[in-house]
Amino acid sequence: MKTQDIFIAHPQTIEEENALKAFLKALKIKFEVSNKEKYNPDFTKKVLESRQEAREGKVTRVKKEELKEFLGL
């Protein structure tokens, strides 16, 4: 029977990584290792820039009662 569950592990050391691989191989469980970053680097850069702008006060503040008008609703 095939399951739809996906397990994500976050080994902290090379020893933990090797142990996980050995365990999965011993049980003949198919697995893959992903070295991709969690987020797109361009997206991360934009978020960091936005945080910096907020620290510098470069923000637009909208009062709750003016929100619909601001959003054009």
PDB file of N, CA and C in Angstrom:
ATOM      1  N   MET A   1       0.843  -1.175   0.000  1.00  0.00           N
ATOM      2  CA  MET A   1       0.000   0.000   0.000  1.00  0.00           C
ATOM      3  C   MET A   1       0.887   1.237   0.000  1.00  0.00           C
ATOM      4  N   LYS A   2       0.558   2.194  -0.857  1.00  0.00           N
ATOM      5  CA  LYS A   2       1.328   3.427  -0.972  1.00  0.00           C
ATOM      6  C   LYS A   2       0.656   4.515  -0.141  1.00  0.00           C
ATOM      7  N   THR A   3       1.462   5.297   0.570  1.00  0.00           N
ATOM      8  CA  THR A   3       0.931   6.376   1.396  1.00  0.00           C
ATOM      9  C   THR A   3       1.182   7.726   0.736  1.00  0.00           C
ATOM     10  N   GLN A   4       0.369   8.696   1.063  1.00  0.00           N
ATOM     11  CA  GLN A   4       0.516  10.037   0.521  1.00  0.00           C
ATOM     12  C   GLN A   4       1.291  10.953   1.461  1.00  0.00           C
ATOM     13  N   ASP A   5       1.684  10.455   2.617  1.00  0.00           N
ATOM     14  CA  ASP A   5       2.387  11.269   3.608  1.00  0.00           C
ATOM     15  C   ASP A   5       3.804  11.596   3.164  1.00  0.00           C
ATOM     16  N   ILE A   6       4.231  12.794   3.516  1.00  0.00           N
ATOM     17  CA  ILE A   6       5.592  13.245   3.242  1.00  0.00           C
ATOM     18  C   ILE A   6       6.208  13.625   4.571  1.00  0.00           C
ATOM     19  N   PHE A   7       7.417  13.153   4.817  1.00  0.00           N
ATOM     20  CA  PHE A   7       8.119  13.470   6.051  1.00  0.00           C
ATOM     21  C   PHE A   7       9.304  14.365   5.715  1.00  0.00           C
ATOM     22  N   ILE A   8       9.452  15.430   6.477  1.00  0.00           N
ATOM     23  CA  ILE A   8      10.561  16.350   6.283  1.00  0.00           C
ATOM     24  C   ILE A   8      11.383  16.360   7.559  1.00  0.00           C
ATOM     25  N   ALA A   9      12.657  16.022   7.446  1.00  0.00           N
ATOM     26  CA  ALA A   9      13.558  16.001   8.598  1.00  0.00           C
ATOM     27  C   ALA A   9      14.602  17.089   8.416  1.00  0.00           C
ATOM     28  N   HIS A  10      15.090  17.616   9.518  1.00  0.00           N
ATOM     29  CA  HIS A  10      16.087  18.677   9.481  1.00  0.00           C
ATOM     30  C   HIS A  10      17.305  18.271  10.319  1.00  0.00           C
ATOM     31  N   PRO A  11      18.156  17.432   9.772  1.00  0.00           N
ATOM     32  CA  PRO A  11      19.342  17.035  10.536  1.00  0.00           C
ATOM     33  C   PRO A  11      20.243  18.239  10.796  1.00  0.00           C
ATOM     34  N   GLN A  12      20.803  18.297  11.997  1.00  0.00           N
ATOM     35  CA  GLN A  12      21.636  19.423  12.399  1.00  0.00           C
ATOM     36  C   GLN A  12      23.130  19.167  12.161  1.00  0.00           C
ATOM     37  N   THR A  13      23.495  17.910  12.033  1.00  0.00           N
ATOM     38  CA  THR A  13      24.904  17.572  11.846  1.00  0.00           C
ATOM     39  C   THR A  13      25.049  16.574  10.705  1.00  0.00           C
ATOM     40  N   ILE A  14      26.258  16.422  10.234  1.00  0.00           N
ATOM     41  CA  ILE A  14      26.528  15.439   9.166  1.00  0.00           C
ATOM     42  C   ILE A  14      26.288  14.017   9.679  1.00  0.00           C
ATOM     43  N   GLU A  15      26.524  13.818  10.970  1.00  0.00           N
ATOM     44  CA  GLU A  15      26.283  12.495  11.560  1.00  0.00           C
ATOM     45  C   GLU A  15      24.793  12.149  11.521  1.00  0.00           C
ATOM     46  N   GLU A  16      23.949  13.129  11.857  1.00  0.00           N
ATOM     47  CA  GLU A  16      22.506  12.903  11.802  1.00  0.00           C
ATOM     48  C   GLU A  16      22.057  12.646  10.364  1.00  0.00           C
ATOM     49  N   GLU A  17      22.608  13.395   9.434  1.00  0.00           N
ATOM     50  CA  GLU A  17      22.274  13.202   8.024  1.00  0.00           C
ATOM     51  C   GLU A  17      22.641  11.792   7.562  1.00  0.00           C
ATOM     52  N   ASN A  18      23.833  11.363   7.905  1.00  0.00           N
ATOM     53  CA  ASN A  18      24.280  10.025   7.514  1.00  0.00           C
ATOM     54  C   ASN A  18      23.433   8.939   8.164  1.00  0.00           C
ATOM     55  N   ALA A  19      23.045   9.143   9.427  1.00  0.00           N
ATOM     56  CA  ALA A  19      22.215   8.164  10.124  1.00  0.00           C
ATOM     57  C   ALA A  19      20.840   8.052   9.462  1.00  0.00           C
ATOM     58  N   LEU A  20      20.265   9.183   9.099  1.00  0.00           N
ATOM     59  CA  LEU A  20      18.963   9.164   8.418  1.00  0.00           C
ATOM     60  C   LEU A  20      19.049   8.426   7.084  1.00  0.00           C
ATOM     61  N   LYS A  21      20.080   8.719   6.322  1.00  0.00           N
ATOM     62  CA  LYS A  21      20.257   8.049   5.028  1.00  0.00           C
ATOM     63  C   LYS A  21      20.412   6.542   5.214  1.00  0.00           C
ATOM     64  N   ALA A  22      21.226   6.146   6.182  1.00  0.00           N
ATOM     65  CA  ALA A  22      21.451   4.718   6.440  1.00  0.00           C
ATOM     66  C   ALA A  22      20.152   4.038   6.865  1.00  0.00           C
ATOM     67  N   PHE A  23      19.388   4.704   7.718  1.00  0.00           N
ATOM     68  CA  PHE A  23      18.122   4.155   8.199  1.00  0.00           C
ATOM     69  C   PHE A  23      17.146   3.946   7.041  1.00  0.00           C
ATOM     70  N   LEU A  24      16.997   4.951   6.204  1.00  0.00           N
ATOM     71  CA  LEU A  24      16.077   4.852   5.077  1.00  0.00           C
ATOM     72  C   LEU A  24      16.515   3.790   4.073  1.00  0.00           C
ATOM     73  N   LYS A  25      17.822   3.719   3.834  1.00  0.00           N
ATOM     74  CA  LYS A  25      18.336   2.694   2.928  1.00  0.00           C
ATOM     75  C   LYS A  25      18.095   1.302   3.489  1.00  0.00           C
ATOM     76  N   ALA A  26      18.310   1.137   4.798  1.00  0.00           N
ATOM     77  CA  ALA A  26      18.119  -0.164   5.438  1.00  0.00           C
ATOM     78  C   ALA A  26      16.671  -0.624   5.328  1.00  0.00           C
ATOM     79  N   LEU A  27      15.730   0.307   5.393  1.00  0.00           N
ATOM     80  CA  LEU A  27      14.317  -0.041   5.279  1.00  0.00           C
ATOM     81  C   LEU A  27      13.830  -0.032   3.828  1.00  0.00           C
ATOM     82  N   LYS A  28      14.749   0.252   2.907  1.00  0.00           N
ATOM     83  CA  LYS A  28      14.443   0.300   1.485  1.00  0.00           C
ATOM     84  C   LYS A  28      13.328   1.300   1.185  1.00  0.00           C
ATOM     85  N   ILE A  29      13.431   2.458   1.845  1.00  0.00           N
ATOM     86  CA  ILE A  29      12.487   3.553   1.629  1.00  0.00           C
ATOM     87  C   ILE A  29      13.127   4.529   0.650  1.00  0.00           C
ATOM     88  N   LYS A  30      12.406   4.827  -0.422  1.00  0.00           N
ATOM     89  CA  LYS A  30      12.922   5.796  -1.383  1.00  0.00           C
ATOM     90  C   LYS A  30      12.949   7.170  -0.736  1.00  0.00           C
ATOM     91  N   PHE A  31      14.011   7.931  -1.005  1.00  0.00           N
ATOM     92  CA  PHE A  31      14.112   9.277  -0.458  1.00  0.00           C
ATOM     93  C   PHE A  31      14.935  10.138  -1.385  1.00  0.00           C
ATOM     94  N   GLU A  32      14.840  11.432  -1.184  1.00  0.00           N
ATOM     95  CA  GLU A  32      15.647  12.372  -1.958  1.00  0.00           C
ATOM     96  C   GLU A  32      16.144  13.448  -1.009  1.00  0.00           C
ATOM     97  N   VAL A  33      17.276  14.022  -1.353  1.00  0.00           N
ATOM     98  CA  VAL A  33      17.866  15.087  -0.557  1.00  0.00           C
ATOM     99  C   VAL A  33      17.803  16.362  -1.383  1.00  0.00           C
ATOM    100  N   SER A  34      17.241  17.401  -0.799  1.00  0.00           N
ATOM    101  CA  SER A  34      17.122  18.673  -1.487  1.00  0.00           C
ATOM    102  C   SER A  34      18.072  19.671  -0.857  1.00  0.00           C
ATOM    103  N   ASN A  35      18.874  20.300  -1.685  1.00  0.00           N
ATOM    104  CA  ASN A  35      19.795  21.323  -1.202  1.00  0.00           C
ATOM    105  C   ASN A  35      19.312  22.720  -1.571  1.00  0.00           C
ATOM    106  N   LYS A  36      18.084  22.813  -2.032  1.00  0.00           N
ATOM    107  CA  LYS A  36      17.542  24.097  -2.444  1.00  0.00           C
ATOM    108  C   LYS A  36      17.218  24.948  -1.235  1.00  0.00           C
ATOM    109  N   GLU A  37      17.353  26.255  -1.411  1.00  0.00           N
ATOM    110  CA  GLU A  37      16.963  27.182  -0.359  1.00  0.00           C
ATOM    111  C   GLU A  37      15.447  27.157  -0.228  1.00  0.00           C
ATOM    112  N   LYS A  38      14.952  27.531   0.948  1.00  0.00           N
ATOM    113  CA  LYS A  38      13.519  27.539   1.165  1.00  0.00           C
ATOM    114  C   LYS A  38      12.821  28.589   0.312  1.00  0.00           C
ATOM    115  N   TYR A  39      13.472  29.709   0.105  1.00  0.00           N
ATOM    116  CA  TYR A  39      12.842  30.797  -0.627  1.00  0.00           C
ATOM    117  C   TYR A  39      13.729  31.235  -1.788  1.00  0.00           C
ATOM    118  N   ASN A  40      13.076  31.773  -2.790  1.00  0.00           N
ATOM    119  CA  ASN A  40      13.773  32.337  -3.938  1.00  0.00           C
ATOM    120  C   ASN A  40      14.657  33.490  -3.452  1.00  0.00           C
ATOM    121  N   PRO A  41      15.937  33.538  -3.837  1.00  0.00           N
ATOM    122  CA  PRO A  41      16.836  34.596  -3.379  1.00  0.00           C
ATOM    123  C   PRO A  41      16.345  36.004  -3.708  1.00  0.00           C
ATOM    124  N   ASP A  42      15.683  36.189  -4.859  1.00  0.00           N
ATOM    125  CA  ASP A  42      15.142  37.506  -5.206  1.00  0.00           C
ATOM    126  C   ASP A  42      14.047  37.919  -4.224  1.00  0.00           C
ATOM    127  N   PHE A  43      13.206  36.956  -3.864  1.00  0.00           N
ATOM    128  CA  PHE A  43      12.139  37.218  -2.899  1.00  0.00           C
ATOM    129  C   PHE A  43      12.730  37.583  -1.540  1.00  0.00           C
ATOM    130  N   THR A  44      13.724  36.828  -1.102  1.00  0.00           N
ATOM    131  CA  THR A  44      14.373  37.096   0.176  1.00  0.00           C
ATOM    132  C   THR A  44      14.985  38.490   0.187  1.00  0.00           C
ATOM    133  N   LYS A  45      15.612  38.884  -0.909  1.00  0.00           N
ATOM    134  CA  LYS A  45      16.228  40.203  -1.004  1.00  0.00           C
ATOM    135  C   LYS A  45      15.180  41.299  -0.857  1.00  0.00           C
ATOM    136  N   LYS A  46      14.038  41.132  -1.527  1.00  0.00           N
ATOM    137  CA  LYS A  46      12.972  42.121  -1.457  1.00  0.00           C
ATOM    138  C   LYS A  46      12.413  42.245  -0.038  1.00  0.00           C
ATOM    139  N   VAL A  47      12.260  41.120   0.636  1.00  0.00           N
ATOM    140  CA  VAL A  47      11.752  41.140   2.014  1.00  0.00           C
ATOM    141  C   VAL A  47      12.728  41.879   2.916  1.00  0.00           C
ATOM    142  N   LEU A  48      14.010  41.595   2.779  1.00  0.00           N
ATOM    143  CA  LEU A  48      15.023  42.262   3.606  1.00  0.00           C
ATOM    144  C   LEU A  48      15.064  43.766   3.325  1.00  0.00           C
ATOM    145  N   GLU A  49      14.921  44.140   2.060  1.00  0.00           N
ATOM    146  CA  GLU A  49      14.885  45.561   1.708  1.00  0.00           C
ATOM    147  C   GLU A  49      13.661  46.241   2.323  1.00  0.00           C
ATOM    148  N   SER A  50      12.522  45.565   2.284  1.00  0.00           N
ATOM    149  CA  SER A  50      11.297  46.121   2.866  1.00  0.00           C
ATOM    150  C   SER A  50      11.434  46.296   4.367  1.00  0.00           C
ATOM    151  N   ARG A  51      12.047  45.349   5.029  1.00  0.00           N
ATOM    152  CA  ARG A  51      12.271  45.472   6.477  1.00  0.00           C
ATOM    153  C   ARG A  51      13.150  46.680   6.782  1.00  0.00           C
ATOM    154  N   GLN A  52      14.186  46.867   5.972  1.00  0.00           N
ATOM    155  CA  GLN A  52      15.083  48.005   6.179  1.00  0.00           C
ATOM    156  C   GLN A  52      14.325  49.320   5.971  1.00  0.00           C
ATOM    157  N   GLU A  53      13.502  49.398   4.941  1.00  0.00           N
ATOM    158  CA  GLU A  53      12.710  50.595   4.691  1.00  0.00           C
ATOM    159  C   GLU A  53      11.776  50.881   5.864  1.00  0.00           C
ATOM    160  N   ALA A  54      11.186  49.844   6.434  1.00  0.00           N
ATOM    161  CA  ALA A  54      10.295  50.030   7.578  1.00  0.00           C
ATOM    162  C   ALA A  54      11.071  50.575   8.776  1.00  0.00           C
ATOM    163  N   ARG A  55      12.291  50.059   8.999  1.00  0.00           N
ATOM    164  CA  ARG A  55      13.127  50.559  10.100  1.00  0.00           C
ATOM    165  C   ARG A  55      13.455  52.040   9.907  1.00  0.00           C
ATOM    166  N   GLU A  56      13.589  52.441   8.653  1.00  0.00           N
ATOM    167  CA  GLU A  56      13.933  53.827   8.330  1.00  0.00           C
ATOM    168  C   GLU A  56      12.691  54.724   8.287  1.00  0.00           C
ATOM    169  N   GLY A  57      11.529  54.161   8.546  1.00  0.00           N
ATOM    170  CA  GLY A  57      10.301  54.951   8.559  1.00  0.00           C
ATOM    171  C   GLY A  57       9.698  55.194   7.198  1.00  0.00           C
ATOM    172  N   LYS A  58      10.195  54.523   6.180  1.00  0.00           N
ATOM    173  CA  LYS A  58       9.667  54.692   4.821  1.00  0.00           C
ATOM    174  C   LYS A  58       8.458  53.773   4.625  1.00  0.00           C
ATOM    175  N   VAL A  59       7.364  54.131   5.315  1.00  0.00           N
ATOM    176  CA  VAL A  59       6.164  53.311   5.271  1.00  0.00           C
ATOM    177  C   VAL A  59       4.956  54.202   5.038  1.00  0.00           C
ATOM    178  N   THR A  60       3.862  53.606   4.632  1.00  0.00           N
ATOM    179  CA  THR A  60       2.603  54.312   4.491  1.00  0.00           C
ATOM    180  C   THR A  60       1.666  53.758   5.557  1.00  0.00           C
ATOM    181  N   ARG A  61       1.188  54.632   6.407  1.00  0.00           N
ATOM    182  CA  ARG A  61       0.261  54.215   7.463  1.00  0.00           C
ATOM    183  C   ARG A  61      -1.149  54.608   7.053  1.00  0.00           C
ATOM    184  N   VAL A  62      -2.072  53.672   7.243  1.00  0.00           N
ATOM    185  CA  VAL A  62      -3.466  53.898   6.892  1.00  0.00           C
ATOM    186  C   VAL A  62      -4.317  53.586   8.116  1.00  0.00           C
ATOM    187  N   LYS A  63      -5.180  54.516   8.477  1.00  0.00           N
ATOM    188  CA  LYS A  63      -6.078  54.299   9.608  1.00  0.00           C
ATOM    189  C   LYS A  63      -7.137  53.277   9.200  1.00  0.00           C
ATOM    190  N   LYS A  64      -7.595  52.519  10.179  1.00  0.00           N
ATOM    191  CA  LYS A  64      -8.557  51.450   9.918  1.00  0.00           C
ATOM    192  C   LYS A  64      -9.788  51.968   9.183  1.00  0.00           C
ATOM    193  N   GLU A  65     -10.290  53.109   9.612  1.00  0.00           N
ATOM    194  CA  GLU A  65     -11.503  53.643   8.991  1.00  0.00           C
ATOM    195  C   GLU A  65     -11.255  54.147   7.565  1.00  0.00           C
ATOM    196  N   GLU A  66      -9.997  54.314   7.157  1.00  0.00           N
ATOM    197  CA  GLU A  66      -9.668  54.773   5.803  1.00  0.00           C
ATOM    198  C   GLU A  66      -9.183  53.637   4.896  1.00  0.00           C
ATOM    199  N   LEU A  67      -9.190  52.421   5.417  1.00  0.00           N
ATOM    200  CA  LEU A  67      -8.619  51.289   4.703  1.00  0.00           C
ATOM    201  C   LEU A  67      -9.359  50.985   3.387  1.00  0.00           C
ATOM    202  N   LYS A  68     -10.681  50.961   3.423  1.00  0.00           N
ATOM    203  CA  LYS A  68     -11.429  50.662   2.202  1.00  0.00           C
ATOM    204  C   LYS A  68     -11.147  51.674   1.105  1.00  0.00           C
ATOM    205  N   GLU A  69     -11.093  52.949   1.485  1.00  0.00           N
ATOM    206  CA  GLU A  69     -10.803  54.000   0.508  1.00  0.00           C
ATOM    207  C   GLU A  69      -9.388  53.819  -0.055  1.00  0.00           C
ATOM    208  N   PHE A  70      -8.433  53.506   0.821  1.00  0.00           N
ATOM    209  CA  PHE A  70      -7.048  53.312   0.400  1.00  0.00           C
ATOM    210  C   PHE A  70      -6.926  52.166  -0.601  1.00  0.00           C
ATOM    211  N   LEU A  71      -7.675  51.114  -0.351  1.00  0.00           N
ATOM    212  CA  LEU A  71      -7.638  49.932  -1.217  1.00  0.00           C
ATOM    213  C   LEU A  71      -8.527  50.075  -2.445  1.00  0.00           C
ATOM    214  N   GLY A  72      -9.290  51.158  -2.504  1.00  0.00           N
ATOM    215  CA  GLY A  72     -10.157  51.376  -3.656  1.00  0.00           C
ATOM    216  C   GLY A  72     -11.378  50.494  -3.660  1.00  0.00           C
ATOM    217  N   LEU A  73     -11.850  50.137  -2.476  1.00  0.00           N
ATOM    218  CA  LEU A  73     -13.031  49.257  -2.387  1.00  0.00           C
ATOM    219  C   LEU A  73     -14.298  50.041  -2.195  1.00  0.00           C
TER     220      LEU A  73
END
